[in-house]
Amino acid sequence: MFGPPPAFGTVESLYRAAPNGRVDGLRHDAGTAETEDEKPMRLATKTAPTLLFGALFFASAALSQTVTAPASLPAIGYADLADLAFAGQVAVIVTVGNSVHLKDADAAGVAPGFARFYIEGGVNALIAGRGGLPASVSWIADVPMTAANRLPKLKKAKLILLARPVPGKPSMLQLVSKTAQLVWTPETEQRLRAILSDANGPAAPPVVTGIGHAFHVAGSIPGEGETQIFLKTADNRPVSLNVQRHPGEDPRWTVSLGEIVDDAAAAPQRDTLLWYRLACALPPALPDDAVADQAPDDAKAAQADYKLVLDGLGPCGRTAPAN
């Protein structure tokens, strides 16, 4: 995750205004700052300090982070998209207008095979974000070179950005992670809107933070039993996992989002918010203290039922650390 940006005045003071109206330290000759067409691109005096701030901020706060180029970005999984959605304060659809290829000191820390760009784009739609955004925004991204080792074409690309505003620079955004620049597709937009809508709805499941207590009660006949596992949540709302076994039947597990166990509830479907809250947060096994008061056989049964739940949920599918 990117760190907080330095004060604009501090960064700007490292450079002095050049006689030609530009800022020394960020050169705009053809060999240093090029458009995606690899032709010289000169920024006006009004734009140069913003570019300078963005380049230095990105280099100092995210040297090792890169953003995937639009042309090579695969379909993003539910867990990764949800991580980005919850990490950002802004979700916005933009169309790239201008982009400047940064080099030398302005591209410090760029990984091999990537190029750093300062990008300006017009806002098409604000999916989420308090206070709104201006009509155009700018951001910094490291994008991979093409297969021919050339600079990627960014102009007119339609993107989704998951970001946070830069304090004091309302038109500049800070991507929340290296994967926070997404190619826009109707499907990705729809999925993102659904995630944010579900998370802000009245039935939104709480954030799961761990396991509280688990117990197992054996039935009156062999093969019969019930396990209840109480989860810890960020806002202390009750969530429990419930597993029932009956001879001659497949075991059945459900999730209860309340004090009363709902026997009619179903296991959550994959790629839903409740599934994400569980699959991406539950530990691989019940902690010892969760079953410390259980008899050995009951503790073993509880562990087996917990594994049944994990197997039913399947893998989280997260490909990058949560932000």
C-alpha atoms as a PDB file:
ATOM      1  CA  MET A   1       0.000   0.000   0.000  1.00  0.00           C
ATOM      2  CA  PHE A   2       1.314   3.413  -0.830  1.00  0.00           C
ATOM      3  CA  GLY A   3       2.405   5.618   2.004  1.00  0.00           C
ATOM      4  CA  PRO A   4       1.250   9.189   2.663  1.00  0.00           C
ATOM      5  CA  PRO A   5       2.541  11.739   0.166  1.00  0.00           C
ATOM      6  CA  PRO A   6       4.983  14.445   1.229  1.00  0.00           C
ATOM      7  CA  ALA A   7       3.806  18.042   1.412  1.00  0.00           C
ATOM      8  CA  PHE A   8       3.625  19.590  -2.038  1.00  0.00           C
ATOM      9  CA  GLY A   9       5.657  22.617  -1.033  1.00  0.00           C
ATOM     10  CA  THR A  10       8.489  20.401   0.210  1.00  0.00           C
ATOM     11  CA  VAL A  11       8.754  18.526  -3.068  1.00  0.00           C
ATOM     12  CA  GLU A  12       8.403  21.600  -5.226  1.00  0.00           C
ATOM     13  CA  SER A  13      11.144  23.377  -3.286  1.00  0.00           C
ATOM     14  CA  LEU A  14      13.654  20.765  -4.483  1.00  0.00           C
ATOM     15  CA  TYR A  15      13.345  22.220  -7.996  1.00  0.00           C
ATOM     16  CA  ARG A  16      13.649  25.743  -9.254  1.00  0.00           C
ATOM     17  CA  ALA A  17      11.678  27.329 -12.061  1.00  0.00           C
ATOM     18  CA  ALA A  18      13.747  27.337 -15.238  1.00  0.00           C
ATOM     19  CA  PRO A  19      13.981  30.424 -17.458  1.00  0.00           C
ATOM     20  CA  ASN A  20      11.815  28.722 -20.100  1.00  0.00           C
ATOM     21  CA  GLY A  21       8.941  28.454 -17.652  1.00  0.00           C
ATOM     22  CA  ARG A  22       9.413  24.755 -16.927  1.00  0.00           C
ATOM     23  CA  VAL A  23      10.821  23.129 -13.852  1.00  0.00           C
ATOM     24  CA  ASP A  24      14.409  21.935 -13.719  1.00  0.00           C
ATOM     25  CA  GLY A  25      14.912  18.327 -12.629  1.00  0.00           C
ATOM     26  CA  LEU A  26      12.148  17.012 -14.889  1.00  0.00           C
ATOM     27  CA  ARG A  27      13.317  17.390 -18.461  1.00  0.00           C
ATOM     28  CA  HIS A  28      10.927  17.532 -21.378  1.00  0.00           C
ATOM     29  CA  ASP A  29      13.256  16.770 -24.243  1.00  0.00           C
ATOM     30  CA  ALA A  30      12.481  13.976 -26.700  1.00  0.00           C
ATOM     31  CA  GLY A  31      14.834  11.589 -24.968  1.00  0.00           C
ATOM     32  CA  THR A  32      13.299  11.900 -21.544  1.00  0.00           C
ATOM     33  CA  ALA A  33       9.565  12.590 -21.621  1.00  0.00           C
ATOM     34  CA  GLU A  34       7.708  11.167 -24.584  1.00  0.00           C
ATOM     35  CA  THR A  35       4.097  10.599 -25.457  1.00  0.00           C
ATOM     36  CA  GLU A  36       2.846   7.107 -26.167  1.00  0.00           C
ATOM     37  CA  ASP A  37       3.548   7.870 -29.836  1.00  0.00           C
ATOM     38  CA  GLU A  38       7.177   8.409 -28.834  1.00  0.00           C
ATOM     39  CA  LYS A  39       7.111  12.029 -29.960  1.00  0.00           C
ATOM     40  CA  PRO A  40       8.226  14.948 -27.796  1.00  0.00           C
ATOM     41  CA  MET A  41       5.540  16.163 -25.453  1.00  0.00           C
ATOM     42  CA  ARG A  42       5.849  19.422 -23.581  1.00  0.00           C
ATOM     43  CA  LEU A  43       3.784  20.207 -20.546  1.00  0.00           C
ATOM     44  CA  ALA A  44       2.675  23.702 -19.729  1.00  0.00           C
ATOM     45  CA  THR A  45       4.013  25.436 -16.653  1.00  0.00           C
ATOM     46  CA  LYS A  46       0.699  24.769 -14.965  1.00  0.00           C
ATOM     47  CA  THR A  47       1.076  21.015 -15.434  1.00  0.00           C
ATOM     48  CA  ALA A  48       4.774  20.583 -14.679  1.00  0.00           C
ATOM     49  CA  PRO A  49       4.623  21.005 -10.880  1.00  0.00           C
ATOM     50  CA  THR A  50       1.780  18.505 -10.713  1.00  0.00           C
ATOM     51  CA  LEU A  51       3.751  16.020 -12.791  1.00  0.00           C
ATOM     52  CA  LEU A  52       6.795  16.618 -10.653  1.00  0.00           C
ATOM     53  CA  PHE A  53       4.849  16.032  -7.471  1.00  0.00           C
ATOM     54  CA  GLY A  54       3.300  12.867  -8.791  1.00  0.00           C
ATOM     55  CA  ALA A  55       6.523  11.391 -10.082  1.00  0.00           C
ATOM     56  CA  LEU A  56       8.457  12.037  -6.907  1.00  0.00           C
ATOM     57  CA  PHE A  57       5.623  10.908  -4.673  1.00  0.00           C
ATOM     58  CA  PHE A  58       5.236   7.684  -6.600  1.00  0.00           C
ATOM     59  CA  ALA A  59       8.968   7.013  -6.624  1.00  0.00           C
ATOM     60  CA  SER A  60       9.390   7.657  -2.923  1.00  0.00           C
ATOM     61  CA  ALA A  61       6.267   5.847  -1.732  1.00  0.00           C
ATOM     62  CA  ALA A  62       5.971   2.934  -4.143  1.00  0.00           C
ATOM     63  CA  LEU A  63       9.308   2.084  -5.673  1.00  0.00           C
ATOM     64  CA  SER A  64       8.524  -1.599  -5.961  1.00  0.00           C
ATOM     65  CA  GLN A  65       4.885  -1.351  -7.003  1.00  0.00           C
ATOM     66  CA  THR A  66       3.719  -1.525 -10.586  1.00  0.00           C
ATOM     67  CA  VAL A  67       0.426  -1.231 -12.387  1.00  0.00           C
ATOM     68  CA  THR A  68      -0.451  -3.665 -15.123  1.00  0.00           C
ATOM     69  CA  ALA A  69      -0.929  -2.245 -18.591  1.00  0.00           C
ATOM     70  CA  PRO A  70      -4.463  -2.290 -19.953  1.00  0.00           C
ATOM     71  CA  ALA A  71      -3.617  -4.532 -22.886  1.00  0.00           C
ATOM     72  CA  SER A  72      -2.269  -7.348 -20.708  1.00  0.00           C
ATOM     73  CA  LEU A  73      -4.599  -7.315 -17.708  1.00  0.00           C
ATOM     74  CA  PRO A  74      -6.466 -10.611 -17.217  1.00  0.00           C
ATOM     75  CA  ALA A  75      -9.954 -10.776 -15.754  1.00  0.00           C
ATOM     76  CA  ILE A  76      -9.660  -9.922 -12.080  1.00  0.00           C
ATOM     77  CA  GLY A  77     -10.996 -12.355  -9.493  1.00  0.00           C
ATOM     78  CA  TYR A  78     -13.713 -11.497  -6.995  1.00  0.00           C
ATOM     79  CA  ALA A  79     -11.390 -11.446  -3.985  1.00  0.00           C
ATOM     80  CA  ASP A  80      -8.813  -9.179  -5.642  1.00  0.00           C
ATOM     81  CA  LEU A  81     -11.526  -6.818  -6.873  1.00  0.00           C
ATOM     82  CA  ALA A  82     -13.138  -6.684  -3.429  1.00  0.00           C
ATOM     83  CA  ASP A  83      -9.754  -6.018  -1.796  1.00  0.00           C
ATOM     84  CA  LEU A  84      -9.193  -3.063  -4.111  1.00  0.00           C
ATOM     85  CA  ALA A  85     -12.736  -1.770  -3.686  1.00  0.00           C
ATOM     86  CA  PHE A  86     -12.474  -1.730   0.108  1.00  0.00           C
ATOM     87  CA  ALA A  87      -8.954  -0.276   0.155  1.00  0.00           C
ATOM     88  CA  GLY A  88      -9.809   2.713  -1.996  1.00  0.00           C
ATOM     89  CA  GLN A  89     -11.756   5.849  -1.211  1.00  0.00           C
ATOM     90  CA  VAL A  90     -12.423   6.479  -4.888  1.00  0.00           C
ATOM     91  CA  ALA A  91     -13.630   4.192  -7.673  1.00  0.00           C
ATOM     92  CA  VAL A  92     -13.792   6.010 -10.979  1.00  0.00           C
ATOM     93  CA  ILE A  93     -14.074   5.259 -14.686  1.00  0.00           C
ATOM     94  CA  VAL A  94     -11.716   7.349 -16.810  1.00  0.00           C
ATOM     95  CA  THR A  95     -10.604   7.657 -20.411  1.00  0.00           C
ATOM     96  CA  VAL A  96      -6.906   8.379 -20.909  1.00  0.00           C
ATOM     97  CA  GLY A  97      -6.149  11.677 -22.597  1.00  0.00           C
ATOM     98  CA  ASN A  98      -2.453  12.449 -22.339  1.00  0.00           C
ATOM     99  CA  SER A  99       0.367  10.376 -20.917  1.00  0.00           C
ATOM    100  CA  VAL A 100       4.014  11.177 -20.378  1.00  0.00           C
ATOM    101  CA  HIS A 101       6.721   8.543 -20.224  1.00  0.00           C
ATOM    102  CA  LEU A 102       8.947   9.348 -17.257  1.00  0.00           C
ATOM    103  CA  LYS A 103      12.641   8.513 -17.202  1.00  0.00           C
ATOM    104  CA  ASP A 104      15.814   8.899 -15.180  1.00  0.00           C
ATOM    105  CA  ALA A 105      15.253  10.175 -11.638  1.00  0.00           C
ATOM    106  CA  ASP A 106      11.512  10.411 -12.242  1.00  0.00           C
ATOM    107  CA  ALA A 107      11.398   6.663 -12.896  1.00  0.00           C
ATOM    108  CA  ALA A 108      13.468   5.476  -9.952  1.00  0.00           C
ATOM    109  CA  GLY A 109      12.630   1.935  -8.908  1.00  0.00           C
ATOM    110  CA  VAL A 110      10.732   0.905 -12.027  1.00  0.00           C
ATOM    111  CA  ALA A 111      10.922  -2.868 -12.458  1.00  0.00           C
ATOM    112  CA  PRO A 112      12.598  -4.293 -15.580  1.00  0.00           C
ATOM    113  CA  GLY A 113      10.150  -4.590 -18.444  1.00  0.00           C
ATOM    114  CA  PHE A 114       7.986  -1.743 -17.146  1.00  0.00           C
ATOM    115  CA  ALA A 115       7.769   1.960 -17.896  1.00  0.00           C
ATOM    116  CA  ARG A 116       6.495   4.726 -15.644  1.00  0.00           C
ATOM    117  CA  PHE A 117       3.852   7.103 -16.912  1.00  0.00           C
ATOM    118  CA  TYR A 118       2.206  10.245 -15.693  1.00  0.00           C
ATOM    119  CA  ILE A 119      -1.344   9.935 -16.999  1.00  0.00           C
ATOM    120  CA  GLU A 120      -4.162  12.416 -17.364  1.00  0.00           C
ATOM    121  CA  GLY A 121      -7.698  11.267 -18.046  1.00  0.00           C
ATOM    122  CA  GLY A 122     -11.225  12.517 -18.242  1.00  0.00           C
ATOM    123  CA  VAL A 123     -13.720  11.278 -15.683  1.00  0.00           C
ATOM    124  CA  ASN A 124     -16.524   9.269 -17.287  1.00  0.00           C
ATOM    125  CA  ALA A 125     -18.318   8.169 -14.132  1.00  0.00           C
ATOM    126  CA  LEU A 126     -17.677   8.202 -10.406  1.00  0.00           C
ATOM    127  CA  ILE A 127     -18.650   4.804  -9.007  1.00  0.00           C
ATOM    128  CA  ALA A 128     -17.764   5.670  -5.410  1.00  0.00           C
ATOM    129  CA  GLY A 129     -16.154   8.608  -3.674  1.00  0.00           C
ATOM    130  CA  ARG A 130     -17.182  11.296  -1.255  1.00  0.00           C
ATOM    131  CA  GLY A 131     -16.954  14.882  -2.382  1.00  0.00           C
ATOM    132  CA  GLY A 132     -16.831  14.089  -6.085  1.00  0.00           C
ATOM    133  CA  LEU A 133     -13.972  14.641  -8.512  1.00  0.00           C
ATOM    134  CA  PRO A 134     -13.051  17.295 -11.070  1.00  0.00           C
ATOM    135  CA  ALA A 135     -13.705  16.607 -14.742  1.00  0.00           C
ATOM    136  CA  SER A 136     -10.142  15.404 -15.288  1.00  0.00           C
ATOM    137  CA  VAL A 137      -7.698  13.638 -12.984  1.00  0.00           C
ATOM    138  CA  SER A 138      -4.078  12.540 -13.067  1.00  0.00           C
ATOM    139  CA  TRP A 139      -2.172   9.629 -11.586  1.00  0.00           C
ATOM    140  CA  ILE A 140       1.121   7.740 -11.843  1.00  0.00           C
ATOM    141  CA  ALA A 141       1.381   4.148 -13.050  1.00  0.00           C
ATOM    142  CA  ASP A 142       4.099   1.718 -14.025  1.00  0.00           C
ATOM    143  CA  VAL A 143       2.933  -0.297 -17.029  1.00  0.00           C
ATOM    144  CA  PRO A 144       4.601  -3.228 -18.793  1.00  0.00           C
ATOM    145  CA  MET A 145       6.267  -2.770 -22.137  1.00  0.00           C
ATOM    146  CA  THR A 146       4.716  -4.495 -25.136  1.00  0.00           C
ATOM    147  CA  ALA A 147       5.908  -7.881 -26.400  1.00  0.00           C
ATOM    148  CA  ALA A 148       8.062  -5.945 -28.873  1.00  0.00           C
ATOM    149  CA  ASN A 149       9.603  -4.035 -25.943  1.00  0.00           C
ATOM    150  CA  ARG A 150       7.945  -0.788 -26.965  1.00  0.00           C
ATOM    151  CA  LEU A 151       5.976   1.686 -24.896  1.00  0.00           C
ATOM    152  CA  PRO A 152       2.308   0.696 -24.575  1.00  0.00           C
ATOM    153  CA  LYS A 153      -0.389   2.778 -26.235  1.00  0.00           C
ATOM    154  CA  LEU A 154      -2.481   4.352 -23.496  1.00  0.00           C
ATOM    155  CA  LYS A 155      -4.369   7.144 -25.258  1.00  0.00           C
ATOM    156  CA  LYS A 156      -8.148   6.651 -25.298  1.00  0.00           C
ATOM    157  CA  ALA A 157      -7.903   3.571 -23.035  1.00  0.00           C
ATOM    158  CA  LYS A 158     -10.965   3.279 -20.809  1.00  0.00           C
ATOM    159  CA  LEU A 159      -9.958   2.299 -17.290  1.00  0.00           C
ATOM    160  CA  ILE A 160     -11.285   1.820 -13.786  1.00  0.00           C
ATOM    161  CA  LEU A 161      -9.113   3.306 -11.046  1.00  0.00           C
ATOM    162  CA  LEU A 162      -9.283   2.264  -7.386  1.00  0.00           C
ATOM    163  CA  ALA A 163      -7.536   5.062  -5.588  1.00  0.00           C
ATOM    164  CA  ARG A 164      -7.475   7.649  -2.871  1.00  0.00           C
ATOM    165  CA  PRO A 165      -7.215  11.414  -3.354  1.00  0.00           C
ATOM    166  CA  VAL A 166      -3.892  13.090  -2.716  1.00  0.00           C
ATOM    167  CA  PRO A 167      -4.290  15.639   0.119  1.00  0.00           C
ATOM    168  CA  GLY A 168      -4.174  19.164  -1.211  1.00  0.00           C
ATOM    169  CA  LYS A 169      -4.308  18.010  -4.843  1.00  0.00           C
ATOM    170  CA  PRO A 170      -7.977  17.323  -5.605  1.00  0.00           C
ATOM    171  CA  SER A 171      -7.330  16.380  -9.227  1.00  0.00           C
ATOM    172  CA  MET A 172      -4.555  13.886  -8.426  1.00  0.00           C
ATOM    173  CA  LEU A 173      -5.212  10.281  -7.418  1.00  0.00           C
ATOM    174  CA  GLN A 174      -3.023   7.723  -5.683  1.00  0.00           C
ATOM    175  CA  LEU A 175      -3.639   4.133  -6.772  1.00  0.00           C
ATOM    176  CA  VAL A 176      -4.174   1.852  -3.782  1.00  0.00           C
ATOM    177  CA  SER A 177      -1.987  -0.938  -5.147  1.00  0.00           C
ATOM    178  CA  LYS A 178      -0.058  -2.151  -8.161  1.00  0.00           C
ATOM    179  CA  THR A 179      -3.200  -3.750  -9.595  1.00  0.00           C
ATOM    180  CA  ALA A 180      -5.553  -0.839  -8.991  1.00  0.00           C
ATOM    181  CA  GLN A 181      -5.687   0.295 -12.626  1.00  0.00           C
ATOM    182  CA  LEU A 182      -8.164  -1.992 -14.387  1.00  0.00           C
ATOM    183  CA  VAL A 183      -9.284  -2.217 -17.965  1.00  0.00           C
ATOM    184  CA  TRP A 184     -12.912  -1.135 -18.103  1.00  0.00           C
ATOM    185  CA  THR A 185     -15.404  -3.749 -19.218  1.00  0.00           C
ATOM    186  CA  PRO A 186     -19.146  -3.780 -18.568  1.00  0.00           C
ATOM    187  CA  GLU A 187     -18.671  -6.958 -16.525  1.00  0.00           C
ATOM    188  CA  THR A 188     -15.946  -5.493 -14.313  1.00  0.00           C
ATOM    189  CA  GLU A 189     -17.947  -2.339 -13.710  1.00  0.00           C
ATOM    190  CA  GLN A 190     -21.036  -4.362 -12.844  1.00  0.00           C
ATOM    191  CA  ARG A 191     -19.129  -6.605 -10.444  1.00  0.00           C
ATOM    192  CA  LEU A 192     -17.467  -3.638  -8.756  1.00  0.00           C
ATOM    193  CA  ARG A 193     -20.758  -1.814  -8.333  1.00  0.00           C
ATOM    194  CA  ALA A 194     -22.343  -4.969  -6.902  1.00  0.00           C
ATOM    195  CA  ILE A 195     -19.534  -5.414  -4.364  1.00  0.00           C
ATOM    196  CA  LEU A 196     -19.795  -1.821  -3.164  1.00  0.00           C
ATOM    197  CA  SER A 197     -23.592  -1.946  -3.099  1.00  0.00           C
ATOM    198  CA  ASP A 198     -23.609  -5.185  -1.099  1.00  0.00           C
ATOM    199  CA  ALA A 199     -21.029  -3.839   1.347  1.00  0.00           C
ATOM    200  CA  ASN A 200     -23.112  -0.726   2.010  1.00  0.00           C
ATOM    201  CA  GLY A 201     -26.491  -2.448   2.126  1.00  0.00           C
ATOM    202  CA  PRO A 202     -28.481  -3.165   5.283  1.00  0.00           C
ATOM    203  CA  ALA A 203     -27.826  -6.912   5.000  1.00  0.00           C
ATOM    204  CA  ALA A 204     -24.064  -6.584   4.553  1.00  0.00           C
ATOM    205  CA  PRO A 205     -22.179  -9.292   6.474  1.00  0.00           C
ATOM    206  CA  PRO A 206     -19.596  -8.037   8.952  1.00  0.00           C
ATOM    207  CA  VAL A 207     -15.845  -8.257   8.494  1.00  0.00           C
ATOM    208  CA  VAL A 208     -14.637 -11.546   9.972  1.00  0.00           C
ATOM    209  CA  THR A 209     -11.513 -11.206  12.097  1.00  0.00           C
ATOM    210  CA  GLY A 210     -11.061 -14.693  13.546  1.00  0.00           C
ATOM    211  CA  ILE A 211     -12.482 -17.665  15.445  1.00  0.00           C
ATOM    212  CA  GLY A 212     -14.045 -17.280  18.858  1.00  0.00           C
ATOM    213  CA  HIS A 213     -15.329 -20.528  20.326  1.00  0.00           C
ATOM    214  CA  ALA A 214     -16.324 -23.880  18.853  1.00  0.00           C
ATOM    215  CA  PHE A 215     -18.155 -26.834  20.345  1.00  0.00           C
ATOM    216  CA  HIS A 216     -19.433 -30.185  19.145  1.00  0.00           C
ATOM    217  CA  VAL A 217     -22.331 -32.203  20.507  1.00  0.00           C
ATOM    218  CA  ALA A 218     -22.579 -35.854  19.537  1.00  0.00           C
ATOM    219  CA  GLY A 219     -25.993 -37.249  18.677  1.00  0.00           C
ATOM    220  CA  SER A 220     -27.797 -40.167  20.257  1.00  0.00           C
ATOM    221  CA  ILE A 221     -26.824 -42.528  17.444  1.00  0.00           C
ATOM    222  CA  PRO A 222     -23.427 -43.130  15.791  1.00  0.00           C
ATOM    223  CA  GLY A 223     -22.660 -40.674  12.995  1.00  0.00           C
ATOM    224  CA  GLU A 224     -25.024 -38.007  14.297  1.00  0.00           C
ATOM    225  CA  GLY A 225     -23.760 -34.722  15.688  1.00  0.00           C
ATOM    226  CA  GLU A 226     -23.738 -30.959  15.448  1.00  0.00           C
ATOM    227  CA  THR A 227     -20.919 -28.409  15.554  1.00  0.00           C
ATOM    228  CA  GLN A 228     -21.298 -24.700  16.086  1.00  0.00           C
ATOM    229  CA  ILE A 229     -18.393 -22.310  15.515  1.00  0.00           C
ATOM    230  CA  PHE A 230     -18.685 -18.695  16.632  1.00  0.00           C
ATOM    231  CA  LEU A 231     -16.661 -16.141  14.672  1.00  0.00           C
ATOM    232  CA  LYS A 232     -15.105 -12.861  15.748  1.00  0.00           C
ATOM    233  CA  THR A 233     -16.123  -9.798  13.744  1.00  0.00           C
ATOM    234  CA  ALA A 234     -14.881  -6.238  13.464  1.00  0.00           C
ATOM    235  CA  ASP A 235     -18.105  -4.749  14.835  1.00  0.00           C
ATOM    236  CA  ASN A 236     -18.936  -7.621  17.225  1.00  0.00           C
ATOM    237  CA  ARG A 237     -22.022  -8.681  15.285  1.00  0.00           C
ATOM    238  CA  PRO A 238     -22.770 -12.403  15.730  1.00  0.00           C
ATOM    239  CA  VAL A 239     -21.767 -14.827  12.981  1.00  0.00           C
ATOM    240  CA  SER A 240     -21.666 -18.589  13.395  1.00  0.00           C
ATOM    241  CA  LEU A 241     -20.925 -21.636  11.270  1.00  0.00           C
ATOM    242  CA  ASN A 242     -23.213 -24.587  11.837  1.00  0.00           C
ATOM    243  CA  VAL A 243     -22.572 -28.176  10.742  1.00  0.00           C
ATOM    244  CA  GLN A 244     -25.086 -31.002  11.096  1.00  0.00           C
ATOM    245  CA  ARG A 245     -24.447 -34.688  10.449  1.00  0.00           C
ATOM    246  CA  HIS A 246     -27.053 -37.433  10.166  1.00  0.00           C
ATOM    247  CA  PRO A 247     -26.460 -41.091   9.328  1.00  0.00           C
ATOM    248  CA  GLY A 248     -26.959 -41.873   5.656  1.00  0.00           C
ATOM    249  CA  GLU A 249     -26.971 -38.192   4.653  1.00  0.00           C
ATOM    250  CA  ASP A 250     -24.309 -35.801   3.445  1.00  0.00           C
ATOM    251  CA  PRO A 251     -23.216 -33.389   6.176  1.00  0.00           C
ATOM    252  CA  ARG A 252     -24.773 -29.946   5.848  1.00  0.00           C
ATOM    253  CA  TRP A 253     -23.308 -26.611   6.854  1.00  0.00           C
ATOM    254  CA  THR A 254     -24.824 -23.160   7.018  1.00  0.00           C
ATOM    255  CA  VAL A 255     -23.949 -19.642   8.151  1.00  0.00           C
ATOM    256  CA  SER A 256     -26.036 -17.660  10.629  1.00  0.00           C
ATOM    257  CA  LEU A 257     -25.818 -13.868  10.767  1.00  0.00           C
ATOM    258  CA  GLY A 258     -27.605 -13.456  14.061  1.00  0.00           C
ATOM    259  CA  GLU A 259     -28.114 -14.878  17.497  1.00  0.00           C
ATOM    260  CA  ILE A 260     -30.569 -17.526  16.305  1.00  0.00           C
ATOM    261  CA  VAL A 261     -29.358 -20.399  14.133  1.00  0.00           C
ATOM    262  CA  ASP A 262     -31.304 -20.537  10.897  1.00  0.00           C
ATOM    263  CA  ASP A 263     -31.555 -24.211   9.943  1.00  0.00           C
ATOM    264  CA  ALA A 264     -33.128 -23.233   6.615  1.00  0.00           C
ATOM    265  CA  ALA A 265     -30.161 -21.081   5.575  1.00  0.00           C
ATOM    266  CA  ALA A 266     -27.896 -22.208   2.761  1.00  0.00           C
ATOM    267  CA  ALA A 267     -24.144 -22.121   2.440  1.00  0.00           C
ATOM    268  CA  PRO A 268     -22.988 -18.908   0.725  1.00  0.00           C
ATOM    269  CA  GLN A 269     -22.425 -18.996  -3.000  1.00  0.00           C
ATOM    270  CA  ARG A 270     -18.952 -18.366  -4.338  1.00  0.00           C
ATOM    271  CA  ASP A 271     -18.138 -14.828  -5.440  1.00  0.00           C
ATOM    272  CA  THR A 272     -20.568 -13.203  -3.054  1.00  0.00           C
ATOM    273  CA  LEU A 273     -19.706 -10.829  -0.244  1.00  0.00           C
ATOM    274  CA  LEU A 274     -20.497 -13.345   2.518  1.00  0.00           C
ATOM    275  CA  TRP A 275     -18.383 -15.968   0.770  1.00  0.00           C
ATOM    276  CA  TYR A 276     -15.505 -13.451   0.496  1.00  0.00           C
ATOM    277  CA  ARG A 277     -15.772 -12.474   4.162  1.00  0.00           C
ATOM    278  CA  LEU A 278     -15.390 -16.142   5.118  1.00  0.00           C
ATOM    279  CA  ALA A 279     -13.123 -17.681   2.487  1.00  0.00           C
ATOM    280  CA  CYS A 280     -10.572 -14.882   2.646  1.00  0.00           C
ATOM    281  CA  ALA A 281     -10.513 -14.460   6.425  1.00  0.00           C
ATOM    282  CA  LEU A 282     -10.896 -17.830   8.121  1.00  0.00           C
ATOM    283  CA  PRO A 283      -7.706 -19.553   9.348  1.00  0.00           C
ATOM    284  CA  PRO A 284      -6.735 -22.972   7.942  1.00  0.00           C
ATOM    285  CA  ALA A 285      -7.671 -24.752  11.197  1.00  0.00           C
ATOM    286  CA  LEU A 286      -9.492 -24.051  14.418  1.00  0.00           C
ATOM    287  CA  PRO A 287      -7.103 -22.496  16.951  1.00  0.00           C
ATOM    288  CA  ASP A 288      -6.454 -24.618  20.014  1.00  0.00           C
ATOM    289  CA  ASP A 289      -8.078 -22.120  22.374  1.00  0.00           C
ATOM    290  CA  ALA A 290     -11.332 -22.318  20.414  1.00  0.00           C
ATOM    291  CA  VAL A 291     -11.810 -25.952  21.490  1.00  0.00           C
ATOM    292  CA  ALA A 292      -9.840 -25.902  24.721  1.00  0.00           C
ATOM    293  CA  ASP A 293     -12.904 -26.775  26.806  1.00  0.00           C
ATOM    294  CA  GLN A 294     -13.965 -29.666  24.585  1.00  0.00           C
ATOM    295  CA  ALA A 295     -13.342 -33.341  25.207  1.00  0.00           C
ATOM    296  CA  PRO A 296     -10.699 -34.741  22.826  1.00  0.00           C
ATOM    297  CA  ASP A 297     -13.259 -36.567  20.665  1.00  0.00           C
ATOM    298  CA  ASP A 298     -15.493 -33.511  20.472  1.00  0.00           C
ATOM    299  CA  ALA A 299     -12.541 -31.251  19.630  1.00  0.00           C
ATOM    300  CA  LYS A 300     -11.520 -33.633  16.862  1.00  0.00           C
ATOM    301  CA  ALA A 301     -15.063 -33.683  15.496  1.00  0.00           C
ATOM    302  CA  ALA A 302     -15.207 -29.886  15.575  1.00  0.00           C
ATOM    303  CA  GLN A 303     -11.939 -29.689  13.620  1.00  0.00           C
ATOM    304  CA  ALA A 304     -13.307 -32.129  11.029  1.00  0.00           C
ATOM    305  CA  ASP A 305     -16.500 -30.099  10.657  1.00  0.00           C
ATOM    306  CA  TYR A 306     -14.530 -26.883  10.322  1.00  0.00           C
ATOM    307  CA  LYS A 307     -12.515 -28.475   7.514  1.00  0.00           C
ATOM    308  CA  LEU A 308     -15.812 -29.404   5.873  1.00  0.00           C
ATOM    309  CA  VAL A 309     -16.745 -25.709   5.872  1.00  0.00           C
ATOM    310  CA  LEU A 310     -13.390 -24.659   4.416  1.00  0.00           C
ATOM    311  CA  ASP A 311     -13.653 -27.284   1.694  1.00  0.00           C
ATOM    312  CA  GLY A 312     -17.139 -26.047   0.894  1.00  0.00           C
ATOM    313  CA  LEU A 313     -15.988 -22.464   0.625  1.00  0.00           C
ATOM    314  CA  GLY A 314     -13.024 -23.307  -1.559  1.00  0.00           C
ATOM    315  CA  PRO A 315      -9.913 -21.147  -1.936  1.00  0.00           C
ATOM    316  CA  CYS A 316     -10.149 -17.389  -1.579  1.00  0.00           C
ATOM    317  CA  GLY A 317      -8.387 -16.886  -4.896  1.00  0.00           C
ATOM    318  CA  ARG A 318      -6.536 -13.767  -3.761  1.00  0.00           C
ATOM    319  CA  THR A 319      -3.458 -13.223  -5.937  1.00  0.00           C
ATOM    320  CA  ALA A 320      -2.025 -10.200  -4.144  1.00  0.00           C
ATOM    321  CA  PRO A 321      -1.735  -9.243  -0.468  1.00  0.00           C
ATOM    322  CA  ALA A 322      -4.810  -7.520   0.885  1.00  0.00           C
ATOM    323  CA  ASN A 323      -4.404  -3.749   1.032  1.00  0.00           C
END
